[in-house]
Amino acid sequence: MPWLFALAMLLAGCAAPRQLVIDPAPSSRAGDTDQLPSLYHPKPVSTLHGKASYYWEPQPTASGERFNPRKLTAAHKSLPMHSVVRVVNLRNGKNVIVRINDRGPYIRGRIIDLSKAAAEHIDMIKAGVVTVRVEVLKKIDVMPKPNRKLKRTN
């Protein structure tokens, strides 16, 4: 029977690695092949810990776009605009990938303000404010059109 335990441990160690992350809000329109979605490495570049809140009222954002509570976006005080981060609710382990498109929150102790849709993904609506881990993701450069035939110049 010890071999069964060893086999179970071996198989548990073969779990699939984290998948690449696709941009939660690609800038191109659906069906536009000129712009491929951006890819991000699943391993974070840096990690922040603190409190998260959420907001839901449509308003202008610091990036110039109109805030939409149904999009997966967030506000952060210092991360570059359009950074992509993974926000993990430390109470339940649920996570969501969001794009930074606004500045804030401006309440002491809070590090990120999520859109209502993002807050729903990590089940924080009822609590309002939760402790989170914010993982900053690094963009992976890819060739824009990998299947395009190259023209030969002789």
Protein backbone atom coordinates (compact mmCIF):
# COMPACT_ATOMS: atom_id res chain seq x y z
CA MET A 1 0.00 0.00 0.00
CA PRO A 2 2.89 2.51 0.47
CA TRP A 3 3.39 2.47 -3.29
CA LEU A 4 -0.18 3.77 -3.73
CA PHE A 5 0.60 6.77 -1.54
CA ALA A 6 3.84 7.41 -3.46
CA LEU A 7 1.94 7.22 -6.76
CA ALA A 8 -0.66 9.70 -5.50
CA MET A 9 2.08 12.12 -4.41
CA LEU A 10 3.83 11.78 -7.78
CA LEU A 11 0.62 12.53 -9.70
CA ALA A 12 -0.16 15.50 -7.47
CA GLY A 13 3.24 16.97 -8.37
CA CYS A 14 2.35 16.75 -12.06
CA ALA A 15 -0.39 19.35 -11.84
CA ALA A 16 -0.59 21.65 -14.84
CA PRO A 17 1.30 24.96 -14.54
CA ARG A 18 -0.61 28.24 -14.59
CA GLN A 19 -1.85 29.26 -18.02
CA LEU A 20 -0.86 32.41 -19.89
CA VAL A 21 -3.15 35.34 -19.12
CA ILE A 22 -5.00 37.06 -21.97
CA ASP A 23 -5.67 40.81 -21.74
CA PRO A 24 -9.05 41.30 -20.00
CA ALA A 25 -9.91 44.28 -22.20
CA PRO A 26 -8.20 44.14 -25.60
CA SER A 27 -8.17 47.45 -27.41
CA SER A 28 -9.30 46.06 -30.76
CA ARG A 29 -12.85 45.49 -31.93
CA ALA A 30 -14.18 41.94 -32.20
CA GLY A 31 -13.06 40.36 -35.45
CA ASP A 32 -10.24 42.86 -36.02
CA THR A 33 -7.23 40.77 -36.99
CA ASP A 34 -4.78 43.69 -37.03
CA GLN A 35 -4.64 43.70 -33.22
CA LEU A 36 -4.07 40.42 -31.42
CA PRO A 37 -4.89 40.26 -27.68
CA SER A 38 -1.93 40.83 -25.38
CA LEU A 39 -0.50 37.92 -23.42
CA TYR A 40 0.85 38.13 -19.88
CA HIS A 41 3.12 35.79 -17.97
CA PRO A 42 1.25 34.03 -15.13
CA LYS A 43 4.10 34.62 -12.67
CA PRO A 44 3.79 38.13 -11.15
CA VAL A 45 6.54 40.74 -11.47
CA SER A 46 5.66 42.20 -8.07
CA THR A 47 3.07 41.68 -5.36
CA LEU A 48 1.19 44.13 -3.13
CA HIS A 49 -0.98 43.42 -0.08
CA GLY A 50 -3.74 45.59 1.34
CA LYS A 51 -7.43 46.42 1.28
CA ALA A 52 -9.60 46.56 -1.84
CA SER A 53 -12.90 48.33 -2.32
CA TYR A 54 -15.11 48.72 -5.37
CA TYR A 55 -17.07 51.41 -7.17
CA TRP A 56 -19.99 51.26 -9.58
CA GLU A 57 -21.12 54.73 -10.69
CA PRO A 58 -20.23 55.69 -14.29
CA GLN A 59 -17.74 58.57 -14.35
CA PRO A 60 -14.70 59.80 -16.29
CA THR A 61 -11.44 58.00 -15.51
CA ALA A 62 -7.87 59.27 -15.35
CA SER A 63 -7.09 57.35 -18.56
CA GLY A 64 -9.72 59.36 -20.46
CA GLU A 65 -12.15 56.51 -21.01
CA ARG A 66 -15.56 56.42 -19.37
CA PHE A 67 -15.76 54.11 -16.35
CA ASN A 68 -17.98 51.12 -17.01
CA PRO A 69 -18.88 49.06 -13.91
CA ARG A 70 -19.45 45.99 -16.11
CA LYS A 71 -15.82 45.89 -17.35
CA LEU A 72 -12.93 44.23 -15.52
CA THR A 73 -11.04 47.39 -14.60
CA ALA A 74 -9.56 48.99 -11.49
CA ALA A 75 -8.05 52.14 -10.02
CA HIS A 76 -4.57 52.24 -8.48
CA LYS A 77 -2.56 55.22 -7.20
CA SER A 78 0.78 54.56 -8.91
CA LEU A 79 0.77 51.61 -11.33
CA PRO A 80 1.09 52.67 -14.98
CA MET A 81 -2.17 53.10 -16.87
CA HIS A 82 -3.29 49.92 -18.65
CA SER A 83 -1.18 47.68 -16.41
CA VAL A 84 -2.75 44.26 -15.97
CA VAL A 85 -2.97 42.80 -12.46
CA ARG A 86 -4.40 39.72 -10.80
CA VAL A 87 -6.37 40.53 -7.63
CA VAL A 88 -6.78 37.67 -5.15
CA ASN A 89 -9.38 37.85 -2.36
CA LEU A 90 -7.48 36.44 0.62
CA ARG A 91 -10.72 35.43 2.40
CA ASN A 92 -11.80 32.92 -0.24
CA GLY A 93 -8.88 32.57 -2.69
CA LYS A 94 -10.91 33.75 -5.70
CA ASN A 95 -9.08 35.92 -8.22
CA VAL A 96 -9.79 38.21 -11.16
CA ILE A 97 -7.59 39.78 -13.85
CA VAL A 98 -8.17 43.53 -14.28
CA ARG A 99 -6.71 46.42 -16.26
CA ILE A 100 -5.73 49.64 -14.45
CA ASN A 101 -7.57 52.57 -16.10
CA ASP A 102 -8.06 55.03 -13.23
CA ARG A 103 -6.35 56.60 -10.20
CA GLY A 104 -7.31 55.97 -6.59
CA PRO A 105 -8.48 54.88 -4.09
CA TYR A 106 -7.95 57.92 -1.93
CA ILE A 107 -8.96 56.35 1.38
CA ARG A 108 -6.13 55.48 3.78
CA GLY A 109 -5.25 51.78 3.85
CA ARG A 110 -6.81 50.87 0.51
CA ILE A 111 -4.56 49.90 -2.37
CA ILE A 112 -7.00 49.20 -5.21
CA ASP A 113 -10.55 50.10 -6.25
CA LEU A 114 -12.22 47.46 -8.42
CA SER A 115 -15.13 47.82 -10.82
CA LYS A 116 -18.35 46.19 -9.67
CA ALA A 117 -17.92 43.34 -12.18
CA ALA A 118 -14.43 42.58 -10.85
CA ALA A 119 -15.71 42.73 -7.25
CA GLU A 120 -18.44 40.24 -8.13
CA HIS A 121 -15.83 37.84 -9.58
CA ILE A 122 -14.06 37.62 -6.22
CA ASP A 123 -17.24 37.68 -4.09
CA MET A 124 -16.56 40.92 -2.22
CA ILE A 125 -19.84 42.78 -2.90
CA LYS A 126 -21.41 41.93 0.45
CA ALA A 127 -18.27 42.76 2.46
CA GLY A 128 -17.51 45.97 0.53
CA VAL A 129 -13.84 46.01 1.59
CA VAL A 130 -11.61 42.92 1.71
CA THR A 131 -7.94 42.09 2.14
CA VAL A 132 -6.34 41.25 -1.19
CA ARG A 133 -3.08 40.40 -2.89
CA VAL A 134 -2.43 42.37 -6.08
CA GLU A 135 -0.05 40.64 -8.51
CA VAL A 136 1.39 42.82 -11.27
CA LEU A 137 1.68 40.80 -14.48
CA LYS A 138 4.35 41.22 -17.18
CA LYS A 139 3.37 41.50 -20.83
CA ILE A 140 4.87 38.93 -23.19
CA ASP A 141 5.91 40.29 -26.57
CA VAL A 142 4.58 38.21 -29.43
CA MET A 143 4.95 38.52 -33.18
CA PRO A 144 1.93 40.54 -34.46
CA LYS A 145 0.92 38.20 -37.30
CA PRO A 146 2.69 34.85 -36.95
CA ASN A 147 0.87 33.18 -39.87
CA ARG A 148 1.49 35.90 -42.48
CA LYS A 149 3.48 34.73 -45.49
CA LEU A 150 6.74 36.60 -45.98
CA LYS A 151 7.49 38.17 -49.36
CA ARG A 152 10.80 37.18 -50.85
CA THR A 153 13.08 39.89 -52.14
CA ASN A 154 15.61 38.64 -54.70
